[in-house]
All heavy atoms as atom14 arrays in JSON, in Angstrom:
{
  "sequence": "SRNNEDDIAERFRIVELRLSGDQQALNLRPVAEGDIRTWNVNDTLD",
  "atom14_mask": [
    [1, 1, 1, 1, 1, 1, 0, 0, 0, 0, 0, 0, 0, 0],
    [1, 1, 1, 1, 1, 1, 1, 1, 1, 1, 1, 0, 0, 0],
    [1, 1, 1, 1, 1, 1, 1, 1, 0, 0, 0, 0, 0, 0],
    [1, 1, 1, 1, 1, 1, 1, 1, 0, 0, 0, 0, 0, 0],
    [1, 1, 1, 1, 1, 1, 1, 1, 1, 0, 0, 0, 0, 0],
    [1, 1, 1, 1, 1, 1, 1, 1, 0, 0, 0, 0, 0, 0],
    [1, 1, 1, 1, 1, 1, 1, 1, 0, 0, 0, 0, 0, 0],
    [1, 1, 1, 1, 1, 1, 1, 1, 0, 0, 0, 0, 0, 0],
    [1, 1, 1, 1, 1, 0, 0, 0, 0, 0, 0, 0, 0, 0],
    [1, 1, 1, 1, 1, 1, 1, 1, 1, 0, 0, 0, 0, 0],
    [1, 1, 1, 1, 1, 1, 1, 1, 1, 1, 1, 0, 0, 0],
    [1, 1, 1, 1, 1, 1, 1, 1, 1, 1, 1, 0, 0, 0],
    [1, 1, 1, 1, 1, 1, 1, 1, 1, 1, 1, 0, 0, 0],
    [1, 1, 1, 1, 1, 1, 1, 1, 0, 0, 0, 0, 0, 0],
    [1, 1, 1, 1, 1, 1, 1, 0, 0, 0, 0, 0, 0, 0],
    [1, 1, 1, 1, 1, 1, 1, 1, 1, 0, 0, 0, 0, 0],
    [1, 1, 1, 1, 1, 1, 1, 1, 0, 0, 0, 0, 0, 0],
    [1, 1, 1, 1, 1, 1, 1, 1, 1, 1, 1, 0, 0, 0],
    [1, 1, 1, 1, 1, 1, 1, 1, 0, 0, 0, 0, 0, 0],
    [1, 1, 1, 1, 1, 1, 0, 0, 0, 0, 0, 0, 0, 0],
    [1, 1, 1, 1, 0, 0, 0, 0, 0, 0, 0, 0, 0, 0],
    [1, 1, 1, 1, 1, 1, 1, 1, 0, 0, 0, 0, 0, 0],
    [1, 1, 1, 1, 1, 1, 1, 1, 1, 0, 0, 0, 0, 0],
    [1, 1, 1, 1, 1, 1, 1, 1, 1, 0, 0, 0, 0, 0],
    [1, 1, 1, 1, 1, 0, 0, 0, 0, 0, 0, 0, 0, 0],
    [1, 1, 1, 1, 1, 1, 1, 1, 0, 0, 0, 0, 0, 0],
    [1, 1, 1, 1, 1, 1, 1, 1, 0, 0, 0, 0, 0, 0],
    [1, 1, 1, 1, 1, 1, 1, 1, 0, 0, 0, 0, 0, 0],
    [1, 1, 1, 1, 1, 1, 1, 1, 1, 1, 1, 0, 0, 0],
    [1, 1, 1, 1, 1, 1, 1, 0, 0, 0, 0, 0, 0, 0],
    [1, 1, 1, 1, 1, 1, 1, 0, 0, 0, 0, 0, 0, 0],
    [1, 1, 1, 1, 1, 0, 0, 0, 0, 0, 0, 0, 0, 0],
    [1, 1, 1, 1, 1, 1, 1, 1, 1, 0, 0, 0, 0, 0],
    [1, 1, 1, 1, 0, 0, 0, 0, 0, 0, 0, 0, 0, 0],
    [1, 1, 1, 1, 1, 1, 1, 1, 0, 0, 0, 0, 0, 0],
    [1, 1, 1, 1, 1, 1, 1, 1, 0, 0, 0, 0, 0, 0],
    [1, 1, 1, 1, 1, 1, 1, 1, 1, 1, 1, 0, 0, 0],
    [1, 1, 1, 1, 1, 1, 1, 0, 0, 0, 0, 0, 0, 0],
    [1, 1, 1, 1, 1, 1, 1, 1, 1, 1, 1, 1, 1, 1],
    [1, 1, 1, 1, 1, 1, 1, 1, 0, 0, 0, 0, 0, 0],
    [1, 1, 1, 1, 1, 1, 1, 0, 0, 0, 0, 0, 0, 0],
    [1, 1, 1, 1, 1, 1, 1, 1, 0, 0, 0, 0, 0, 0],
    [1, 1, 1, 1, 1, 1, 1, 1, 0, 0, 0, 0, 0, 0],
    [1, 1, 1, 1, 1, 1, 1, 0, 0, 0, 0, 0, 0, 0],
    [1, 1, 1, 1, 1, 1, 1, 1, 0, 0, 0, 0, 0, 0],
    [1, 1, 1, 1, 1, 1, 1, 1, 0, 0, 0, 0, 0, 0]
  ],
  "atom14_positions": [
    [[12.36, 28.75, 7.64], [12.63, 28.04, 8.94], [11.64, 28.42, 10.04], [11.53, 27.67, 11.01], [14.07, 28.39, 9.4], [14.18, 29.76, 9.59], [0.0, 0.0, 0.0], [0.0, 0.0, 0.0], [0.0, 0.0, 0.0], [0.0, 0.0, 0.0], [0.0, 0.0, 0.0], [0.0, 0.0, 0.0], [0.0, 0.0, 0.0], [0.0, 0.0, 0.0]],
    [[10.89, 29.53, 9.85], [9.91, 29.9, 10.87], [8.63, 29.11, 10.77], [7.75, 29.13, 11.64], [9.57, 31.4, 10.71], [10.75, 32.27, 11.03], [10.38, 33.75, 10.92], [11.49, 34.62, 11.21], [11.76, 35.03, 12.46], [11.0, 34.69, 13.43], [12.78, 35.85, 12.66], [0.0, 0.0, 0.0], [0.0, 0.0, 0.0], [0.0, 0.0, 0.0]],
    [[8.47, 28.39, 9.67], [7.25, 27.55, 9.47], [7.48, 26.19, 10.16], [8.37, 25.45, 9.84], [7.0, 27.34, 7.97], [5.63, 26.74, 7.72], [5.12, 26.01, 8.56], [5.05, 27.08, 6.56], [0.0, 0.0, 0.0], [0.0, 0.0, 0.0], [0.0, 0.0, 0.0], [0.0, 0.0, 0.0], [0.0, 0.0, 0.0], [0.0, 0.0, 0.0]],
    [[6.61, 25.93, 11.1], [6.8, 24.69, 11.92], [6.27, 23.42, 11.21], [6.59, 22.29, 11.69], [6.06, 24.79, 13.25], [6.73, 25.77, 14.18], [7.95, 26.01, 14.08], [5.96, 26.42, 15.08], [0.0, 0.0, 0.0], [0.0, 0.0, 0.0], [0.0, 0.0, 0.0], [0.0, 0.0, 0.0], [0.0, 0.0, 0.0], [0.0, 0.0, 0.0]],
    [[5.57, 23.57, 10.13], [4.95, 22.46, 9.46], [5.93, 21.82, 8.41], [6.41, 22.54, 7.54], [3.65, 22.86, 8.76], [2.55, 23.31, 9.74], [2.1, 22.22, 10.65], [2.12, 21.04, 10.23], [1.79, 22.53, 11.8], [0.0, 0.0, 0.0], [0.0, 0.0, 0.0], [0.0, 0.0, 0.0], [0.0, 0.0, 0.0], [0.0, 0.0, 0.0]],
    [[6.16, 20.53, 8.55], [6.99, 19.8, 7.61], [6.06, 19.23, 6.54], [4.92, 19.0, 6.74], [7.74, 18.65, 8.27], [8.82, 19.15, 9.2], [9.56, 20.11, 8.83], [9.01, 18.54, 10.28], [0.0, 0.0, 0.0], [0.0, 0.0, 0.0], [0.0, 0.0, 0.0], [0.0, 0.0, 0.0], [0.0, 0.0, 0.0], [0.0, 0.0, 0.0]],
    [[6.66, 19.08, 5.31], [5.96, 18.35, 4.25], [6.38, 16.86, 4.32], [7.51, 16.51, 4.7], [6.3, 18.92, 2.87], [5.69, 20.29, 2.66], [4.53, 20.51, 3.11], [6.3, 21.15, 2.09], [0.0, 0.0, 0.0], [0.0, 0.0, 0.0], [0.0, 0.0, 0.0], [0.0, 0.0, 0.0], [0.0, 0.0, 0.0], [0.0, 0.0, 0.0]],
    [[5.42, 16.0, 3.89], [5.68, 14.57, 3.87], [5.48, 14.08, 2.45], [4.42, 14.2, 1.84], [4.7, 13.79, 4.86], [4.85, 14.4, 6.23], [5.06, 12.3, 4.84], [6.14, 14.17, 6.92], [0.0, 0.0, 0.0], [0.0, 0.0, 0.0], [0.0, 0.0, 0.0], [0.0, 0.0, 0.0], [0.0, 0.0, 0.0], [0.0, 0.0, 0.0]],
    [[6.51, 13.4, 1.93], [6.42, 12.73, 0.63], [6.48, 11.25, 0.92], [7.21, 10.74, 1.75], [7.59, 13.13, -0.25], [0.0, 0.0, 0.0], [0.0, 0.0, 0.0], [0.0, 0.0, 0.0], [0.0, 0.0, 0.0], [0.0, 0.0, 0.0], [0.0, 0.0, 0.0], [0.0, 0.0, 0.0], [0.0, 0.0, 0.0], [0.0, 0.0, 0.0]],
    [[5.64, 10.48, 0.15], [5.48, 9.07, 0.39], [5.66, 8.32, -0.93], [5.03, 8.73, -1.96], [4.15, 8.77, 1.0], [3.93, 7.38, 1.57], [2.56, 7.24, 2.31], [1.61, 7.79, 1.85], [2.63, 6.64, 3.42], [0.0, 0.0, 0.0], [0.0, 0.0, 0.0], [0.0, 0.0, 0.0], [0.0, 0.0, 0.0], [0.0, 0.0, 0.0]],
    [[6.36, 7.2, -0.94], [6.56, 6.42, -2.15], [6.37, 4.96, -1.88], [6.94, 4.39, -0.99], [7.92, 6.7, -2.73], [8.14, 6.15, -4.13], [9.43, 6.67, -4.77], [9.53, 6.33, -6.15], [10.47, 6.83, -6.99], [11.37, 7.74, -6.5], [10.5, 6.46, -8.26], [0.0, 0.0, 0.0], [0.0, 0.0, 0.0], [0.0, 0.0, 0.0]],
    [[5.53, 4.37, -2.78], [5.28, 2.88, -2.71], [5.85, 2.29, -3.97], [5.61, 2.73, -5.1], [3.81, 2.58, -2.62], [3.14, 3.06, -1.35], [2.72, 4.38, -1.26], [2.81, 2.14, -0.37], [2.05, 4.83, -0.07], [2.2, 2.58, 0.82], [1.81, 3.9, 0.92], [0.0, 0.0, 0.0], [0.0, 0.0, 0.0], [0.0, 0.0, 0.0]],
    [[6.56, 1.13, -3.86], [7.0, 0.33, -4.99], [6.66, -1.08, -4.61], [7.31, -1.78, -3.88], [8.51, 0.54, -5.23], [8.94, 1.97, -5.44], [10.4, 2.13, -5.64], [10.82, 1.8, -6.97], [11.64, 0.81, -7.28], [12.13, 0.01, -6.35], [12.0, 0.55, -8.55], [0.0, 0.0, 0.0], [0.0, 0.0, 0.0], [0.0, 0.0, 0.0]],
    [[5.53, -1.58, -5.17], [4.85, -2.8, -4.7], [4.36, -3.62, -5.86], [3.79, -3.05, -6.86], [3.76, -2.42, -3.73], [4.35, -1.75, -2.49], [2.92, -3.59, -3.34], [3.35, -1.34, -1.43], [0.0, 0.0, 0.0], [0.0, 0.0, 0.0], [0.0, 0.0, 0.0], [0.0, 0.0, 0.0], [0.0, 0.0, 0.0], [0.0, 0.0, 0.0]],
    [[4.47, -4.93, -5.73], [3.82, -5.82, -6.69], [2.32, -5.88, -6.48], [1.81, -5.82, -5.28], [4.4, -7.23, -6.64], [5.82, -7.25, -7.09], [4.26, -7.86, -5.26], [0.0, 0.0, 0.0], [0.0, 0.0, 0.0], [0.0, 0.0, 0.0], [0.0, 0.0, 0.0], [0.0, 0.0, 0.0], [0.0, 0.0, 0.0], [0.0, 0.0, 0.0]],
    [[1.52, -6.01, -7.52], [0.09, -6.17, -7.39], [-0.45, -6.93, -8.58], [0.28, -7.12, -9.58], [-0.61, -4.74, -7.31], [-0.52, -3.98, -8.62], [-1.37, -2.71, -8.64], [-2.06, -2.45, -7.61], [-1.33, -1.95, -9.61], [0.0, 0.0, 0.0], [0.0, 0.0, 0.0], [0.0, 0.0, 0.0], [0.0, 0.0, 0.0], [0.0, 0.0, 0.0]],
    [[-1.62, -7.41, -8.42], [-2.28, -8.1, -9.56], [-3.01, -7.07, -10.4], [-3.84, -6.31, -9.87], [-3.29, -9.15, -9.04], [-2.75, -10.4, -8.38], [-3.89, -11.28, -7.84], [-1.87, -11.21, -9.36], [0.0, 0.0, 0.0], [0.0, 0.0, 0.0], [0.0, 0.0, 0.0], [0.0, 0.0, 0.0], [0.0, 0.0, 0.0], [0.0, 0.0, 0.0]],
    [[-2.71, -7.08, -11.67], [-3.4, -6.09, -12.56], [-3.57, -6.77, -13.96], [-2.57, -7.16, -14.58], [-2.56, -4.81, -12.68], [-3.25, -3.73, -13.53], [-2.61, -2.43, -13.31], [-2.87, -1.89, -11.99], [-3.98, -1.19, -11.68], [-4.89, -0.9, -12.61], [-4.18, -0.75, -10.44], [0.0, 0.0, 0.0], [0.0, 0.0, 0.0], [0.0, 0.0, 0.0]],
    [[-4.78, -6.87, -14.37], [-5.13, -7.42, -15.7], [-4.62, -6.5, -16.75], [-4.59, -5.29, -16.62], [-6.61, -7.66, -15.8], [-7.24, -8.63, -14.73], [-8.74, -8.78, -15.02], [-6.54, -9.93, -14.79], [0.0, 0.0, 0.0], [0.0, 0.0, 0.0], [0.0, 0.0, 0.0], [0.0, 0.0, 0.0], [0.0, 0.0, 0.0], [0.0, 0.0, 0.0]],
    [[-4.31, -7.04, -17.92], [-3.75, -6.29, -19.04], [-4.72, -5.21, -19.43], [-5.9, -5.46, -19.64], [-3.48, -7.19, -20.22], [-2.96, -6.48, -21.3], [0.0, 0.0, 0.0], [0.0, 0.0, 0.0], [0.0, 0.0, 0.0], [0.0, 0.0, 0.0], [0.0, 0.0, 0.0], [0.0, 0.0, 0.0], [0.0, 0.0, 0.0], [0.0, 0.0, 0.0]],
    [[-4.26, -3.95, -19.53], [-5.1, -2.86, -19.97], [-5.96, -2.23, -18.91], [-6.57, -1.23, -19.18], [0.0, 0.0, 0.0], [0.0, 0.0, 0.0], [0.0, 0.0, 0.0], [0.0, 0.0, 0.0], [0.0, 0.0, 0.0], [0.0, 0.0, 0.0], [0.0, 0.0, 0.0], [0.0, 0.0, 0.0], [0.0, 0.0, 0.0], [0.0, 0.0, 0.0]],
    [[-5.96, -2.76, -17.66], [-6.77, -2.2, -16.61], [-6.16, -0.91, -16.08], [-5.04, -0.89, -15.63], [-6.86, -3.26, -15.49], [-7.89, -2.87, -14.44], [-8.3, -1.69, -14.44], [-8.27, -3.7, -13.58], [0.0, 0.0, 0.0], [0.0, 0.0, 0.0], [0.0, 0.0, 0.0], [0.0, 0.0, 0.0], [0.0, 0.0, 0.0], [0.0, 0.0, 0.0]],
    [[-6.9, 0.19, -16.22], [-6.48, 1.5, -15.76], [-7.17, 1.96, -14.48], [-6.99, 3.13, -14.09], [-6.7, 2.52, -16.88], [-5.98, 2.23, -18.22], [-4.44, 2.22, -18.03], [-3.92, 3.26, -17.62], [-3.76, 1.2, -18.39], [0.0, 0.0, 0.0], [0.0, 0.0, 0.0], [0.0, 0.0, 0.0], [0.0, 0.0, 0.0], [0.0, 0.0, 0.0]],
    [[-7.86, 1.1, -13.8], [-8.58, 1.46, -12.61], [-7.66, 1.65, -11.47], [-6.63, 0.98, -11.31], [-9.63, 0.39, -12.25], [-10.67, 0.19, -13.29], [-11.55, 1.41, -13.45], [-12.05, 2.01, -12.49], [-11.77, 1.79, -14.71], [0.0, 0.0, 0.0], [0.0, 0.0, 0.0], [0.0, 0.0, 0.0], [0.0, 0.0, 0.0], [0.0, 0.0, 0.0]],
    [[-7.99, 2.61, -10.61], [-7.34, 2.83, -9.25], [-5.88, 3.19, -9.33], [-5.11, 3.04, -8.39], [-7.52, 1.59, -8.41], [0.0, 0.0, 0.0], [0.0, 0.0, 0.0], [0.0, 0.0, 0.0], [0.0, 0.0, 0.0], [0.0, 0.0, 0.0], [0.0, 0.0, 0.0], [0.0, 0.0, 0.0], [0.0, 0.0, 0.0], [0.0, 0.0, 0.0]],
    [[-5.44, 3.74, -10.48], [-4.01, 4.11, -10.59], [-3.67, 5.41, -9.8], [-2.51, 5.66, -9.6], [-3.67, 4.32, -12.05], [-3.64, 3.0, -12.87], [-3.35, 3.32, -14.33], [-2.64, 1.96, -12.31], [0.0, 0.0, 0.0], [0.0, 0.0, 0.0], [0.0, 0.0, 0.0], [0.0, 0.0, 0.0], [0.0, 0.0, 0.0], [0.0, 0.0, 0.0]],
    [[-4.69, 6.11, -9.33], [-4.46, 7.24, -8.45], [-4.54, 6.87, -6.97], [-4.51, 7.77, -6.13], [-5.43, 8.39, -8.79], [-5.18, 8.95, -10.14], [-4.08, 9.03, -10.65], [-6.31, 9.4, -10.78], [0.0, 0.0, 0.0], [0.0, 0.0, 0.0], [0.0, 0.0, 0.0], [0.0, 0.0, 0.0], [0.0, 0.0, 0.0], [0.0, 0.0, 0.0]],
    [[-4.62, 5.61, -6.72], [-4.66, 5.07, -5.36], [-3.42, 4.29, -5.03], [-2.81, 3.73, -5.92], [-5.89, 4.22, -5.1], [-7.23, 4.83, -5.36], [-8.37, 3.85, -5.21], [-7.49, 6.07, -4.44], [0.0, 0.0, 0.0], [0.0, 0.0, 0.0], [0.0, 0.0, 0.0], [0.0, 0.0, 0.0], [0.0, 0.0, 0.0], [0.0, 0.0, 0.0]],
    [[-3.05, 4.24, -3.76], [-1.87, 3.42, -3.4], [-2.06, 1.98, -3.84], [-3.21, 1.46, -3.74], [-1.74, 3.45, -1.86], [-1.45, 4.83, -1.26], [-1.73, 4.8, 0.22], [-1.23, 5.97, 0.94], [-1.6, 6.32, 2.16], [-2.42, 5.46, 2.81], [-1.14, 7.35, 2.76], [0.0, 0.0, 0.0], [0.0, 0.0, 0.0], [0.0, 0.0, 0.0]],
    [[-1.02, 1.29, -4.16], [-1.07, -0.14, -4.58], [-1.14, -1.11, -3.41], [-0.46, -2.15, -3.43], [0.14, -0.31, -5.44], [1.19, 0.6, -4.84], [0.35, 1.8, -4.36], [0.0, 0.0, 0.0], [0.0, 0.0, 0.0], [0.0, 0.0, 0.0], [0.0, 0.0, 0.0], [0.0, 0.0, 0.0], [0.0, 0.0, 0.0], [0.0, 0.0, 0.0]],
    [[-1.9, -0.75, -2.38], [-1.93, -1.56, -1.16], [-3.41, -1.69, -0.71], [-4.28, -0.83, -0.99], [-1.12, -0.99, -0.02], [0.34, -1.16, -0.28], [-1.45, 0.49, 0.2], [0.0, 0.0, 0.0], [0.0, 0.0, 0.0], [0.0, 0.0, 0.0], [0.0, 0.0, 0.0], [0.0, 0.0, 0.0], [0.0, 0.0, 0.0], [0.0, 0.0, 0.0]],
    [[-3.67, -2.81, 0.04], [-4.95, -3.0, 0.66], [-4.83, -2.55, 2.15], [-3.76, -2.31, 2.67], [-5.35, -4.44, 0.58], [0.0, 0.0, 0.0], [0.0, 0.0, 0.0], [0.0, 0.0, 0.0], [0.0, 0.0, 0.0], [0.0, 0.0, 0.0], [0.0, 0.0, 0.0], [0.0, 0.0, 0.0], [0.0, 0.0, 0.0], [0.0, 0.0, 0.0]],
    [[-5.99, -2.39, 2.82], [-5.93, -2.12, 4.26], [-5.3, -3.29, 4.95], [-5.77, -4.42, 4.85], [-7.34, -1.84, 4.75], [-7.37, -1.45, 6.25], [-8.76, -1.06, 6.71], [-9.66, -0.95, 5.91], [-8.94, -0.91, 7.95], [0.0, 0.0, 0.0], [0.0, 0.0, 0.0], [0.0, 0.0, 0.0], [0.0, 0.0, 0.0], [0.0, 0.0, 0.0]],
    [[-4.25, -3.03, 5.71], [-3.51, -4.14, 6.3], [-3.61, -4.17, 7.82], [-4.08, -3.27, 8.47], [0.0, 0.0, 0.0], [0.0, 0.0, 0.0], [0.0, 0.0, 0.0], [0.0, 0.0, 0.0], [0.0, 0.0, 0.0], [0.0, 0.0, 0.0], [0.0, 0.0, 0.0], [0.0, 0.0, 0.0], [0.0, 0.0, 0.0], [0.0, 0.0, 0.0]],
    [[-3.1, -5.26, 8.4], [-3.04, -5.5, 9.82], [-1.84, -6.32, 10.1], [-1.7, -7.44, 9.58], [-4.26, -6.21, 10.32], [-4.4, -6.24, 11.84], [-3.37, -6.24, 12.5], [-5.54, -6.29, 12.33], [0.0, 0.0, 0.0], [0.0, 0.0, 0.0], [0.0, 0.0, 0.0], [0.0, 0.0, 0.0], [0.0, 0.0, 0.0], [0.0, 0.0, 0.0]],
    [[-0.93, -5.8, 10.92], [0.33, -6.54, 11.18], [0.1, -7.87, 11.9], [0.98, -8.73, 11.94], [1.33, -5.73, 11.98], [0.81, -5.26, 13.31], [1.78, -4.55, 11.16], [1.87, -4.67, 14.19], [0.0, 0.0, 0.0], [0.0, 0.0, 0.0], [0.0, 0.0, 0.0], [0.0, 0.0, 0.0], [0.0, 0.0, 0.0], [0.0, 0.0, 0.0]],
    [[-1.09, -8.09, 12.43], [-1.4, -9.39, 13.09], [-1.46, -10.51, 12.02], [-1.39, -11.67, 12.37], [-2.73, -9.28, 13.83], [-2.64, -8.56, 15.14], [-3.92, -8.3, 15.75], [-4.64, -7.2, 15.11], [-5.43, -6.3, 15.74], [-5.72, -6.49, 17.04], [-5.99, -5.37, 15.06], [0.0, 0.0, 0.0], [0.0, 0.0, 0.0], [0.0, 0.0, 0.0]],
    [[-1.52, -10.17, 10.72], [-1.46, -11.18, 9.7], [-0.18, -11.91, 9.71], [-0.05, -13.07, 9.34], [-1.65, -10.49, 8.28], [-2.8, -9.67, 8.33], [-1.83, -11.58, 7.21], [0.0, 0.0, 0.0], [0.0, 0.0, 0.0], [0.0, 0.0, 0.0], [0.0, 0.0, 0.0], [0.0, 0.0, 0.0], [0.0, 0.0, 0.0], [0.0, 0.0, 0.0]],
    [[0.9, -11.25, 10.21], [2.17, -11.94, 10.36], [2.14, -13.09, 11.38], [3.08, -13.93, 11.4], [3.31, -10.96, 10.78], [3.65, -9.98, 9.69], [3.24, -8.66, 9.56], [4.51, -10.25, 8.57], [3.83, -8.12, 8.45], [4.63, -9.03, 7.81], [5.29, -11.36, 8.16], [5.44, -8.92, 6.67], [6.0, -11.25, 6.98], [6.1, -10.07, 6.29]],
    [[1.16, -13.13, 12.2], [1.09, -14.18, 13.21], [0.21, -15.36, 12.89], [-0.1, -16.19, 13.71], [0.51, -13.56, 14.53], [1.47, -12.6, 15.19], [2.72, -12.79, 15.1], [1.01, -11.6, 15.83], [0.0, 0.0, 0.0], [0.0, 0.0, 0.0], [0.0, 0.0, 0.0], [0.0, 0.0, 0.0], [0.0, 0.0, 0.0], [0.0, 0.0, 0.0]],
    [[-0.16, -15.51, 11.53], [-0.96, -16.64, 11.14], [-0.18, -17.94, 11.48], [1.0, -18.13, 11.12], [-1.28, -16.53, 9.65], [-0.02, -16.53, 8.81], [-2.18, -17.73, 9.26], [0.0, 0.0, 0.0], [0.0, 0.0, 0.0], [0.0, 0.0, 0.0], [0.0, 0.0, 0.0], [0.0, 0.0, 0.0], [0.0, 0.0, 0.0], [0.0, 0.0, 0.0]],
    [[-0.86, -18.85, 12.19], [-0.18, -20.1, 12.63], [-0.45, -21.28, 11.75], [0.29, -22.24, 11.82], [-0.65, -20.41, 14.06], [-0.1, -19.42, 15.07], [1.06, -19.03, 15.02], [-0.94, -18.97, 16.03], [0.0, 0.0, 0.0], [0.0, 0.0, 0.0], [0.0, 0.0, 0.0], [0.0, 0.0, 0.0], [0.0, 0.0, 0.0], [0.0, 0.0, 0.0]],
    [[-1.53, -21.21, 10.97], [-1.87, -22.38, 10.1], [-1.94, -21.92, 8.66], [-2.36, -20.76, 8.36], [-3.21, -22.99, 10.52], [-3.16, -23.51, 11.94], [-2.24, -24.25, 12.29], [-4.09, -23.22, 12.7], [0.0, 0.0, 0.0], [0.0, 0.0, 0.0], [0.0, 0.0, 0.0], [0.0, 0.0, 0.0], [0.0, 0.0, 0.0], [0.0, 0.0, 0.0]],
    [[-1.47, -22.74, 7.74], [-1.59, -22.42, 6.34], [-3.05, -22.29, 5.91], [-3.89, -23.12, 6.24], [-0.93, -23.54, 5.49], [0.45, -23.64, 5.9], [-0.96, -23.13, 4.01], [0.0, 0.0, 0.0], [0.0, 0.0, 0.0], [0.0, 0.0, 0.0], [0.0, 0.0, 0.0], [0.0, 0.0, 0.0], [0.0, 0.0, 0.0], [0.0, 0.0, 0.0]],
    [[-3.38, -21.15, 5.32], [-4.77, -20.87, 4.87], [-5.08, -21.69, 3.57], [-4.17, -22.08, 2.83], [-4.93, -19.41, 4.6], [-4.63, -18.45, 5.79], [-4.74, -17.01, 5.36], [-5.56, -18.78, 6.97], [0.0, 0.0, 0.0], [0.0, 0.0, 0.0], [0.0, 0.0, 0.0], [0.0, 0.0, 0.0], [0.0, 0.0, 0.0], [0.0, 0.0, 0.0]],
    [[-6.34, -21.94, 3.39], [-6.78, -22.6, 2.16], [-6.47, -21.7, 0.98], [-6.71, -20.48, 0.99], [-8.26, -22.91, 2.21], [-8.61, -23.95, 3.25], [-7.73, -24.81, 3.54], [-9.74, -23.91, 3.75], [0.0, 0.0, 0.0], [0.0, 0.0, 0.0], [0.0, 0.0, 0.0], [0.0, 0.0, 0.0], [0.0, 0.0, 0.0], [0.0, 0.0, 0.0]]
  ]
}
């Protein structure tokens, strides 16, 4: 209790595109760099 530093555990459960047998980037989070401004898209993208 004298240690002021907390530990942080993080868990992602996310759908992603992955070709069969592809073992790349499995030690990385299953997310891309995001921006919440994407939620404000006003027109349907191509």
